[in-house]
Amino acid sequence: MANTWWGSHLLEHGGDDEPWAFSSALVTRGALRDAVAGIAERFRRQGIAEGTSVALRMKPSFTYIQVLLALWSRGAQVVLVDFRLQPAEYEPLVRLVRPQYLVAAAGTDGPVTGFRQESAFSVEALPDGRPAADGVRLVQFSSGSTGRPKVIGRPPDSVLAELERHIALPGMPGRDEPVMLLNSVMHNMGLVTGVLHALAAGAPLVIPPTLRPAEVVRLMARTEVAAVFGTPVHYALLSRVGDRPELPALRLAVSGGERVPQDTSEQFRAGFGLPVSPVYGLTEFGLIAGDLVGAPPPPCVGPPVPGAEVKVVGEELYLRLDRSPYLYGEHADRFTDGWLRTYDRIAQDPATGALSLLGRADSLVVVGGLKIDLAEVEAALLAHPSVAEAVVVHTGAVEALVGDGGAGLTADELTAWCRRRLSPVKIPRRFHLTDRLPRNSMGKLLRDPGALGGPAAPPERHR
């Protein structure tokens, strides 16, 4: 294979008979290389070449990973589109990015049925597509504080630098240490920390075909997993499994996406005999901080990893970057003089440099390891013809206070409305309905969660 960034750093290591990954069956490195080469040839015949922009929308599978690597081998820019998004969410993204091709799996719509070994896919040329932007090879979307997603573009050197930060982090799994991945392969931790690092380091990848906790633990034992990557939700579920098999090879549990609750950390340590080690990163940059050896208690996530330069200004974290990660000239206010404003509130230990997560400085919240922009949920509610005002807050769950001017809306109506426009994780768990929303003395809407009557308040109409 050509000595390209994707090949020399990812695919060309290891013998053909070495294990690459396991889900319901084993895939060797030779089988991976053959599959990538075959898919790349199909793409060549269909006109995908250097600088082509391609949207990739498939459910999680080994085929998804092979397609991604094959597109990179053709020099394409790959736009990752989460299959869980509703048409009202992903169609505007496609119009914004305007890819030249769409690669989609059969049966993309519908609920998650687990990780698949293989998946058939189609390739469609799209009208009015534009070529890849400025050497960018990976495009991802991240929620923005205005309700419009940020379009993040990463060139090869950005991805390779992140892989180097992983290798430099003490405790990361190495060669012949099986890694179980519970994170989604469509998001940065699952893709880079999980798939790409394991591939580059020679660590066999284990992705369970189902996330039923008892079956996950049995697979951990059967494959002699050394490390697990997941989110706090995964570790809370694993902690509930009784009658666990022995896991003598397990030495590391890593969590990302959101703060690990103290009780989750304690329950997992009691059940599995090791702590949950948090890591912290951004889609714009990748891995920023972590301590896999000391496993600091939450909310601490450890010091910045080698290669990550940060500063804290007024409890907000700023990150040094060579260039703006945002495409199409948007979000210029977030990147100034080589520093990216993350809007993450951080406390930094002056002695050790360790970072502790304090929350957000904008409307983003994290639910189940996924970032949700409350402004986006508000915008969806305000599009309803009978909704006059809406405030969405996070009280441990997403809740909405809705003013309908006496139209008599119900929580069921609003839930159905949101289901057609938002992915499930964004839909408010509770709706509080009223004629008019409370405002302060200046006439501005109150965004205090206390205005909802407390997190235990049921859906109701306040008069």
Protein backbone atom coordinates (compact mmCIF):
# COMPACT_ATOMS: atom_id res chain seq x y z
CA MET A 1 0.00 0.00 0.00
CA ALA A 2 1.10 3.56 -0.57
CA ASN A 3 3.04 5.16 2.23
CA THR A 4 0.33 7.69 3.04
CA TRP A 5 -0.70 9.12 6.41
CA TRP A 6 -3.55 6.64 6.74
CA GLY A 7 -1.49 3.67 5.56
CA SER A 8 1.90 4.09 7.21
CA HIS A 9 0.41 5.07 10.56
CA LEU A 10 -2.65 2.83 10.66
CA LEU A 11 -2.87 -0.06 8.23
CA GLU A 12 0.65 -1.18 7.43
CA HIS A 13 1.58 -2.40 10.90
CA GLY A 14 1.41 -6.08 11.83
CA GLY A 15 1.23 -9.37 9.98
CA ASP A 16 -1.76 -10.57 8.01
CA ASP A 17 -2.67 -13.19 10.63
CA GLU A 18 -2.61 -10.82 13.60
CA PRO A 19 -6.02 -10.03 15.11
CA TRP A 20 -7.37 -6.58 14.33
CA ALA A 21 -10.84 -6.63 15.86
CA PHE A 22 -13.53 -8.88 17.27
CA SER A 23 -17.29 -8.43 17.64
CA SER A 24 -19.30 -11.52 16.78
CA ALA A 25 -16.32 -12.90 14.81
CA LEU A 26 -12.60 -12.21 14.50
CA VAL A 27 -11.19 -9.97 11.75
CA THR A 28 -7.45 -10.18 11.08
CA ARG A 29 -5.25 -7.33 9.92
CA GLY A 30 -4.87 -9.06 6.57
CA ALA A 31 -8.65 -9.26 6.18
CA LEU A 32 -8.92 -5.58 7.11
CA ARG A 33 -6.35 -4.59 4.48
CA ASP A 34 -8.06 -6.71 1.83
CA ALA A 35 -11.47 -5.24 2.66
CA VAL A 36 -10.15 -1.66 2.56
CA ALA A 37 -8.41 -2.28 -0.76
CA GLY A 38 -11.56 -3.79 -2.29
CA ILE A 39 -13.79 -0.94 -1.12
CA ALA A 40 -11.24 1.62 -2.32
CA GLU A 41 -11.29 0.07 -5.79
CA ARG A 42 -15.08 0.33 -5.83
CA PHE A 43 -14.78 4.01 -4.89
CA ARG A 44 -12.18 4.54 -7.64
CA ARG A 45 -14.59 3.19 -10.25
CA GLN A 46 -17.31 5.51 -8.97
CA GLY A 47 -15.14 8.61 -9.30
CA ILE A 48 -14.05 9.22 -5.70
CA ALA A 49 -10.51 10.59 -5.80
CA GLU A 50 -8.09 13.01 -4.16
CA GLY A 51 -9.97 16.03 -2.82
CA THR A 52 -13.45 14.53 -3.19
CA SER A 53 -15.90 15.30 -0.35
CA VAL A 54 -18.00 12.39 0.89
CA ALA A 55 -20.71 12.23 3.58
CA LEU A 56 -20.67 8.94 5.50
CA ARG A 57 -23.89 7.91 7.24
CA MET A 58 -23.93 4.32 8.44
CA LYS A 59 -24.80 2.43 11.57
CA PRO A 60 -21.82 1.19 13.61
CA SER A 61 -20.09 -1.79 12.00
CA PHE A 62 -16.67 -3.00 10.94
CA THR A 63 -17.75 -2.10 7.40
CA TYR A 64 -18.18 1.51 8.59
CA ILE A 65 -14.55 1.57 9.74
CA GLN A 66 -13.35 -0.10 6.52
CA VAL A 67 -15.28 2.41 4.40
CA LEU A 68 -13.74 5.31 6.34
CA LEU A 69 -10.22 3.98 5.80
CA ALA A 70 -10.94 3.26 2.14
CA LEU A 71 -12.17 6.81 1.58
CA TRP A 72 -9.02 8.17 3.19
CA SER A 73 -6.95 5.88 0.98
CA ARG A 74 -8.56 7.60 -2.02
CA GLY A 75 -7.62 11.02 -0.61
CA ALA A 76 -11.24 11.91 0.15
CA GLN A 77 -12.58 14.28 2.78
CA VAL A 78 -14.99 12.30 4.95
CA VAL A 79 -17.96 14.04 6.59
CA LEU A 80 -19.25 11.93 9.50
CA VAL A 81 -23.03 12.16 9.87
CA ASP A 82 -24.55 10.48 12.92
CA PHE A 83 -27.16 7.94 11.77
CA ARG A 84 -29.26 8.72 14.87
CA LEU A 85 -30.07 12.23 13.64
CA GLN A 86 -33.56 12.86 12.36
CA PRO A 87 -33.95 14.15 8.77
CA ALA A 88 -34.76 17.61 10.14
CA GLU A 89 -31.33 17.52 11.84
CA TYR A 90 -29.01 15.97 9.25
CA GLU A 91 -30.48 17.41 6.03
CA PRO A 92 -29.47 21.00 6.96
CA LEU A 93 -25.98 19.70 7.76
CA VAL A 94 -25.68 18.11 4.34
CA ARG A 95 -26.89 21.32 2.69
CA LEU A 96 -24.34 23.29 4.68
CA VAL A 97 -21.35 21.10 3.82
CA ARG A 98 -22.51 20.15 0.29
CA PRO A 99 -20.59 16.87 -0.13
CA GLN A 100 -20.13 15.46 -3.62
CA TYR A 101 -21.07 11.91 -2.59
CA LEU A 102 -23.15 10.17 0.03
CA VAL A 103 -22.15 6.74 1.32
CA ALA A 104 -25.02 5.25 3.32
CA ALA A 105 -25.79 1.80 4.67
CA ALA A 106 -28.97 -0.05 3.88
CA GLY A 107 -31.35 0.40 6.79
CA THR A 108 -29.73 3.60 8.09
CA ASP A 109 -33.01 4.77 9.58
CA GLY A 110 -34.55 3.17 12.63
CA PRO A 111 -33.39 2.22 16.11
CA VAL A 112 -29.94 0.98 17.04
CA THR A 113 -29.72 -2.81 16.84
CA GLY A 114 -26.16 -3.14 18.11
CA PHE A 115 -22.78 -3.20 16.46
CA ARG A 116 -22.74 -5.11 13.17
CA GLN A 117 -19.96 -7.24 11.77
CA GLU A 118 -20.76 -6.26 8.18
CA SER A 119 -23.10 -3.80 6.48
CA ALA A 120 -24.05 -3.32 2.83
CA PHE A 121 -23.85 0.25 1.61
CA SER A 122 -24.69 2.41 -1.38
CA VAL A 123 -22.80 5.25 -3.05
CA GLU A 124 -24.72 8.22 -4.45
CA ALA A 125 -23.33 11.21 -6.35
CA LEU A 126 -24.98 14.40 -5.09
CA PRO A 127 -25.77 17.47 -7.22
CA ASP A 128 -24.00 20.77 -6.57
CA GLY A 129 -21.38 19.23 -4.29
CA ARG A 130 -18.17 21.09 -3.56
CA PRO A 131 -14.67 19.60 -3.25
CA ALA A 132 -12.80 19.06 -0.01
CA ALA A 133 -11.75 22.16 1.91
CA ASP A 134 -8.05 23.03 2.24
CA GLY A 135 -6.52 19.60 2.84
CA VAL A 136 -9.15 18.61 5.43
CA ARG A 137 -9.73 14.86 5.61
CA LEU A 138 -12.09 14.52 8.58
CA VAL A 139 -15.21 16.65 9.08
CA GLN A 140 -17.33 16.35 12.21
CA PHE A 141 -20.19 18.31 13.72
CA SER A 142 -20.38 19.61 17.26
CA SER A 143 -23.22 21.45 18.94
CA GLY A 144 -22.88 25.22 18.94
CA SER A 145 -24.05 27.78 21.45
CA THR A 146 -26.35 29.44 18.89
CA GLY A 147 -28.30 26.30 17.98
CA ARG A 148 -26.38 25.87 14.71
CA PRO A 149 -23.84 23.02 14.73
CA LYS A 150 -20.17 23.86 14.32
CA VAL A 151 -18.51 22.31 11.27
CA ILE A 152 -15.09 21.06 12.38
CA GLY A 153 -12.42 20.16 9.85
CA ARG A 154 -9.24 18.26 10.70
CA PRO A 155 -6.31 17.74 8.32
CA PRO A 156 -4.13 14.59 8.57
CA ASP A 157 -1.51 16.27 10.77
CA SER A 158 -4.18 17.07 13.37
CA VAL A 159 -5.29 13.43 13.59
CA LEU A 160 -1.70 12.15 13.67
CA ALA A 161 -0.78 14.64 16.41
CA GLU A 162 -3.69 13.33 18.48
CA LEU A 163 -2.47 9.76 18.00
CA GLU A 164 0.97 10.88 19.23
CA ARG A 165 -0.65 12.40 22.33
CA HIS A 166 -2.30 9.07 23.04
CA ILE A 167 0.98 7.19 22.69
CA ALA A 168 2.70 9.69 25.02
CA LEU A 169 0.04 9.26 27.73
CA PRO A 170 1.31 6.75 30.32
CA GLY A 171 -0.97 3.77 30.76
CA MET A 172 -2.50 3.73 27.27
CA PRO A 173 -2.98 0.19 25.95
CA GLY A 174 -0.13 -1.09 23.79
CA ARG A 175 0.63 -3.96 21.49
CA ASP A 176 -1.31 -7.19 22.07
CA GLU A 177 -3.44 -5.63 24.84
CA PRO A 178 -7.10 -6.15 23.84
CA VAL A 179 -9.22 -2.99 24.15
CA MET A 180 -13.00 -3.10 24.58
CA LEU A 181 -14.70 -0.08 23.02
CA LEU A 182 -18.14 0.96 24.30
CA ASN A 183 -18.08 4.52 22.89
CA SER A 184 -19.69 5.21 19.53
CA VAL A 185 -17.22 4.85 16.66
CA MET A 186 -18.81 7.96 15.08
CA HIS A 187 -17.61 10.32 17.79
CA ASN A 188 -14.08 11.44 18.52
CA MET A 189 -13.27 9.33 21.57
CA GLY A 190 -14.62 6.17 19.98
CA LEU A 191 -13.00 6.88 16.63
CA VAL A 192 -9.54 8.17 17.64
CA THR A 193 -8.98 6.97 21.22
CA GLY A 194 -10.62 3.66 20.42
CA VAL A 195 -10.37 2.60 16.78
CA LEU A 196 -7.40 4.56 15.43
CA HIS A 197 -5.15 4.31 18.50
CA ALA A 198 -5.77 0.57 18.80
CA LEU A 199 -4.97 0.16 15.12
CA ALA A 200 -1.79 2.23 15.36
CA ALA A 201 -0.62 0.63 18.62
CA GLY A 202 -1.30 -2.96 17.59
CA ALA A 203 -3.93 -3.45 20.29
CA PRO A 204 -6.74 -5.85 19.25
CA LEU A 205 -10.09 -4.05 19.29
CA VAL A 206 -13.16 -5.65 20.88
CA ILE A 207 -16.56 -4.09 20.15
CA PRO A 208 -19.53 -5.94 21.71
CA PRO A 209 -22.40 -6.68 19.32
CA THR A 210 -24.82 -5.71 22.10
CA LEU A 211 -24.50 -3.37 25.08
CA ARG A 212 -26.44 -5.63 27.45
CA PRO A 213 -24.19 -5.33 30.52
CA ALA A 214 -24.02 -9.01 31.48
CA GLU A 215 -23.08 -10.01 27.93
CA VAL A 216 -20.48 -7.25 27.76
CA VAL A 217 -18.80 -8.53 30.92
CA ARG A 218 -18.79 -12.11 29.64
CA LEU A 219 -17.17 -10.92 26.40
CA MET A 220 -14.56 -9.02 28.42
CA ALA A 221 -13.63 -12.26 30.15
CA ARG A 222 -13.65 -14.36 26.97
CA THR A 223 -11.39 -11.98 25.05
CA GLU A 224 -9.10 -11.24 28.04
CA VAL A 225 -9.64 -7.49 27.71
CA ALA A 226 -6.89 -5.31 29.25
CA ALA A 227 -8.69 -1.96 28.92
CA VAL A 228 -12.22 -0.63 28.54
CA PHE A 229 -13.19 2.72 26.99
CA GLY A 230 -16.67 4.07 27.66
CA THR A 231 -18.80 6.80 29.20
CA PRO A 232 -20.12 7.15 32.77
CA VAL A 233 -23.40 5.58 31.65
CA HIS A 234 -21.57 2.43 30.55
CA TYR A 235 -19.73 2.10 33.85
CA ALA A 236 -22.91 2.63 35.86
CA LEU A 237 -24.54 -0.24 33.92
CA LEU A 238 -21.54 -2.55 34.23
CA SER A 239 -21.44 -1.95 37.98
CA ARG A 240 -24.90 -3.49 38.32
CA VAL A 241 -23.89 -6.85 36.86
CA GLY A 242 -23.90 -9.55 39.53
CA ASP A 243 -22.03 -12.84 39.47
CA ARG A 244 -19.25 -11.44 37.31
CA PRO A 245 -16.59 -13.75 35.86
CA GLU A 246 -12.96 -13.21 36.82
CA LEU A 247 -11.19 -10.54 34.76
CA PRO A 248 -7.48 -11.04 35.60
CA ALA A 249 -6.26 -9.17 32.49
CA LEU A 250 -8.34 -6.02 33.08
CA ARG A 251 -6.09 -3.18 34.27
CA LEU A 252 -7.68 0.01 32.93
CA ALA A 253 -11.12 1.63 32.61
CA VAL A 254 -11.24 4.99 30.80
CA SER A 255 -14.23 7.33 30.65
CA GLY A 256 -14.86 10.38 28.48
CA GLY A 257 -17.67 12.63 27.32
CA GLU A 258 -18.80 13.96 30.71
CA ARG A 259 -17.89 14.07 34.38
CA VAL A 260 -17.91 10.68 36.13
CA PRO A 261 -20.35 10.80 39.09
CA GLN A 262 -18.69 9.93 42.39
CA ASP A 263 -21.10 7.07 43.11
CA THR A 264 -20.46 5.53 39.68
CA SER A 265 -16.72 5.65 40.27
CA GLU A 266 -17.08 4.07 43.71
CA GLN A 267 -19.47 1.34 42.57
CA PHE A 268 -17.25 0.36 39.64
CA ARG A 269 -14.15 0.23 41.85
CA ALA A 270 -15.99 -1.94 44.38
CA GLY A 271 -17.17 -4.37 41.72
CA PHE A 272 -14.18 -4.53 39.37
CA GLY A 273 -11.29 -3.67 41.66
CA LEU A 274 -9.99 -0.67 39.72
CA PRO A 275 -10.94 2.98 39.35
CA VAL A 276 -12.49 4.75 36.40
CA SER A 277 -9.85 7.02 34.83
CA PRO A 278 -11.38 10.13 33.22
CA VAL A 279 -10.03 11.79 30.10
CA TYR A 280 -11.03 15.13 28.61
CA GLY A 281 -11.02 16.31 25.01
CA LEU A 282 -12.79 18.31 22.33
CA THR A 283 -13.91 17.37 18.84
CA GLU A 284 -11.91 20.38 17.58
CA PHE A 285 -8.63 19.01 18.95
CA GLY A 286 -9.08 15.54 20.40
CA LEU A 287 -7.43 14.40 23.64
CA ILE A 288 -6.48 17.28 25.97
CA ALA A 289 -6.02 15.90 29.50
CA GLY A 290 -5.94 12.63 31.38
CA ASP A 291 -4.22 10.57 34.06
CA LEU A 292 -4.50 6.83 33.48
CA VAL A 293 -2.05 5.94 36.24
CA GLY A 294 -3.16 8.10 39.16
CA ALA A 295 -6.89 7.99 38.32
CA PRO A 296 -7.79 11.29 40.05
CA PRO A 297 -11.22 11.50 41.66
CA PRO A 298 -13.93 13.51 39.86
CA PRO A 299 -14.20 16.27 38.86
CA CYS A 300 -10.42 16.19 38.22
CA VAL A 301 -9.37 14.78 34.83
CA GLY A 302 -5.62 15.08 35.28
CA PRO A 303 -2.99 17.33 33.70
CA PRO A 304 -2.80 18.29 30.04
CA VAL A 305 -1.25 15.50 27.99
CA PRO A 306 2.08 16.08 26.22
CA GLY A 307 1.41 18.17 23.11
CA ALA A 308 -1.63 20.01 24.50
CA GLU A 309 -1.03 23.67 25.44
CA VAL A 310 -3.78 25.28 27.51
CA LYS A 311 -4.46 28.33 29.63
CA VAL A 312 -7.28 29.19 32.02
CA VAL A 313 -8.70 32.71 31.87
CA GLY A 314 -11.49 33.58 34.28
CA GLU A 315 -12.30 29.87 34.82
CA GLU A 316 -12.59 29.30 31.06
CA LEU A 317 -10.21 27.01 29.23
CA TYR A 318 -8.37 28.21 26.12
CA LEU A 319 -6.52 25.81 23.84
CA ARG A 320 -3.57 26.58 21.56
CA LEU A 321 -4.15 25.64 17.90
CA ASP A 322 -2.23 26.36 14.70
CA ARG A 323 -5.41 27.27 12.81
CA SER A 324 -9.12 27.62 13.32
CA PRO A 325 -10.79 24.21 13.31
CA TYR A 326 -14.01 25.62 11.87
CA LEU A 327 -14.81 25.50 8.17
CA TYR A 328 -16.40 28.14 5.98
CA GLY A 329 -15.20 31.07 8.09
CA GLU A 330 -17.75 30.51 10.83
CA HIS A 331 -17.31 30.94 14.61
CA ALA A 332 -14.46 33.41 14.14
CA ASP A 333 -15.14 34.76 17.62
CA ARG A 334 -14.04 31.48 19.16
CA PHE A 335 -10.51 31.51 17.69
CA THR A 336 -8.25 34.52 18.27
CA ASP A 337 -4.46 34.86 18.00
CA GLY A 338 -3.90 31.11 18.01
CA TRP A 339 -6.16 30.37 21.00
CA LEU A 340 -9.48 28.52 20.88
CA ARG A 341 -12.06 29.51 23.47
CA THR A 342 -13.61 26.22 24.57
CA TYR A 343 -16.41 27.60 26.77
CA ASP A 344 -15.57 24.84 29.26
CA ARG A 345 -15.27 26.10 32.82
CA ILE A 346 -12.11 24.69 34.35
CA ALA A 347 -10.13 24.94 37.57
CA GLN A 348 -6.40 24.25 37.27
CA ASP A 349 -4.25 23.15 40.18
CA PRO A 350 -1.34 25.63 40.34
CA ALA A 351 1.04 22.96 41.65
CA THR A 352 0.29 19.98 39.41
CA GLY A 353 -1.46 21.65 36.45
CA ALA A 354 -4.32 19.14 36.78
CA LEU A 355 -7.66 20.26 35.33
CA SER A 356 -11.04 19.91 37.03
CA LEU A 357 -14.29 20.26 35.09
CA LEU A 358 -16.72 22.85 36.49
CA GLY A 359 -19.34 22.94 33.72
CA ARG A 360 -20.10 25.04 30.66
CA ALA A 361 -20.12 28.77 30.04
CA ASP A 362 -22.74 28.52 27.25
CA SER A 363 -25.88 26.55 26.48
CA LEU A 364 -24.18 23.20 25.92
CA VAL A 365 -24.83 20.31 28.31
CA VAL A 366 -23.75 16.69 28.26
CA VAL A 367 -26.30 13.86 28.43
CA GLY A 368 -25.19 10.25 28.16
CA GLY A 369 -21.78 11.34 26.92
CA LEU A 370 -23.27 13.42 24.09
CA LYS A 371 -23.21 17.21 23.89
CA ILE A 372 -26.63 18.80 23.52
CA ASP A 373 -27.23 22.43 22.71
CA LEU A 374 -30.25 23.61 24.69
CA ALA A 375 -30.67 26.46 22.20
CA GLU A 376 -31.25 23.89 19.45
CA VAL A 377 -34.04 22.26 21.51
CA GLU A 378 -35.57 25.67 22.16
CA ALA A 379 -35.49 26.46 18.44
CA ALA A 380 -37.34 23.22 17.66
CA LEU A 381 -40.03 24.02 20.21
CA LEU A 382 -40.42 27.61 18.99
CA ALA A 383 -41.07 26.30 15.49
CA HIS A 384 -44.38 24.85 16.76
CA PRO A 385 -47.19 27.19 15.65
CA SER A 386 -48.74 27.25 19.14
CA VAL A 387 -45.56 27.81 21.14
CA ALA A 388 -45.01 31.47 21.94
CA GLU A 389 -42.04 31.11 24.31
CA ALA A 390 -39.75 28.31 25.44
CA VAL A 391 -36.91 27.88 27.90
CA VAL A 392 -34.96 24.61 28.01
CA VAL A 393 -32.73 23.78 30.97
CA HIS A 394 -30.74 20.82 32.24
CA THR A 395 -31.52 19.66 35.78
CA GLY A 396 -29.96 16.22 35.49
CA ALA A 397 -32.39 15.73 32.60
CA VAL A 398 -33.47 18.03 29.77
CA GLU A 399 -36.63 19.92 30.76
CA ALA A 400 -38.66 22.56 28.96
CA LEU A 401 -40.84 25.39 30.21
CA VAL A 402 -43.23 26.29 27.40
CA GLY A 403 -45.59 29.23 27.09
CA ASP A 404 -48.45 28.74 24.64
CA GLY A 405 -50.56 31.84 25.33
CA GLY A 406 -53.44 29.68 26.53
CA ALA A 407 -53.58 27.45 23.44
CA GLY A 408 -53.90 24.34 25.62
CA LEU A 409 -50.91 22.35 24.39
CA THR A 410 -50.11 19.04 26.07
CA ALA A 411 -46.81 17.36 26.87
CA ASP A 412 -47.72 14.48 24.54
CA GLU A 413 -48.21 16.87 21.61
CA LEU A 414 -44.83 18.49 22.21
CA THR A 415 -43.11 15.14 22.59
CA ALA A 416 -44.51 13.99 19.23
CA TRP A 417 -43.45 17.30 17.66
CA CYS A 418 -39.89 16.92 18.96
CA ARG A 419 -39.61 13.29 17.85
CA ARG A 420 -39.97 14.41 14.23
CA ARG A 421 -37.24 17.06 14.60
CA LEU A 422 -34.75 15.95 17.24
CA SER A 423 -32.78 12.82 18.00
CA PRO A 424 -34.07 11.00 21.09
CA VAL A 425 -31.38 12.20 23.51
CA LYS A 426 -32.37 15.85 22.86
CA ILE A 427 -36.10 15.46 23.56
CA PRO A 428 -37.09 17.01 26.92
CA ARG A 429 -37.95 14.47 29.56
CA ARG A 430 -40.43 16.86 31.14
CA PHE A 431 -42.58 19.68 29.78
CA HIS A 432 -43.94 22.40 32.07
CA LEU A 433 -46.74 24.25 30.31
CA THR A 434 -47.99 27.72 31.15
CA ASP A 435 -49.69 30.72 29.55
CA ARG A 436 -46.67 32.99 30.00
CA LEU A 437 -43.11 32.32 31.08
CA PRO A 438 -41.63 34.06 34.12
CA ARG A 439 -39.41 37.08 33.44
CA ASN A 440 -37.10 39.22 35.51
CA SER A 441 -37.51 42.93 36.24
CA MET A 442 -35.80 43.75 32.94
CA GLY A 443 -38.31 41.66 31.01
CA LYS A 444 -35.88 38.86 30.18
CA LEU A 445 -36.92 35.22 30.38
CA LEU A 446 -35.76 33.47 33.56
CA ARG A 447 -33.50 30.49 32.84
CA ASP A 448 -33.28 29.36 36.44
CA PRO A 449 -34.15 25.63 36.75
CA GLY A 450 -36.01 26.59 39.94
CA ALA A 451 -38.64 28.17 37.70
CA LEU A 452 -39.66 24.66 36.69
CA GLY A 453 -40.76 23.75 40.15
CA GLY A 454 -37.80 21.45 40.83
CA PRO A 455 -36.49 18.40 39.01
CA ALA A 456 -39.14 16.13 40.51
CA ALA A 457 -42.03 18.19 39.19
CA PRO A 458 -44.25 16.19 36.78
CA PRO A 459 -45.39 17.43 33.36
CA GLU A 460 -48.21 19.83 34.09
CA ARG A 461 -49.94 23.03 33.04
CA HIS A 462 -49.28 25.98 35.33
CA ARG A 463 -52.02 28.54 35.39
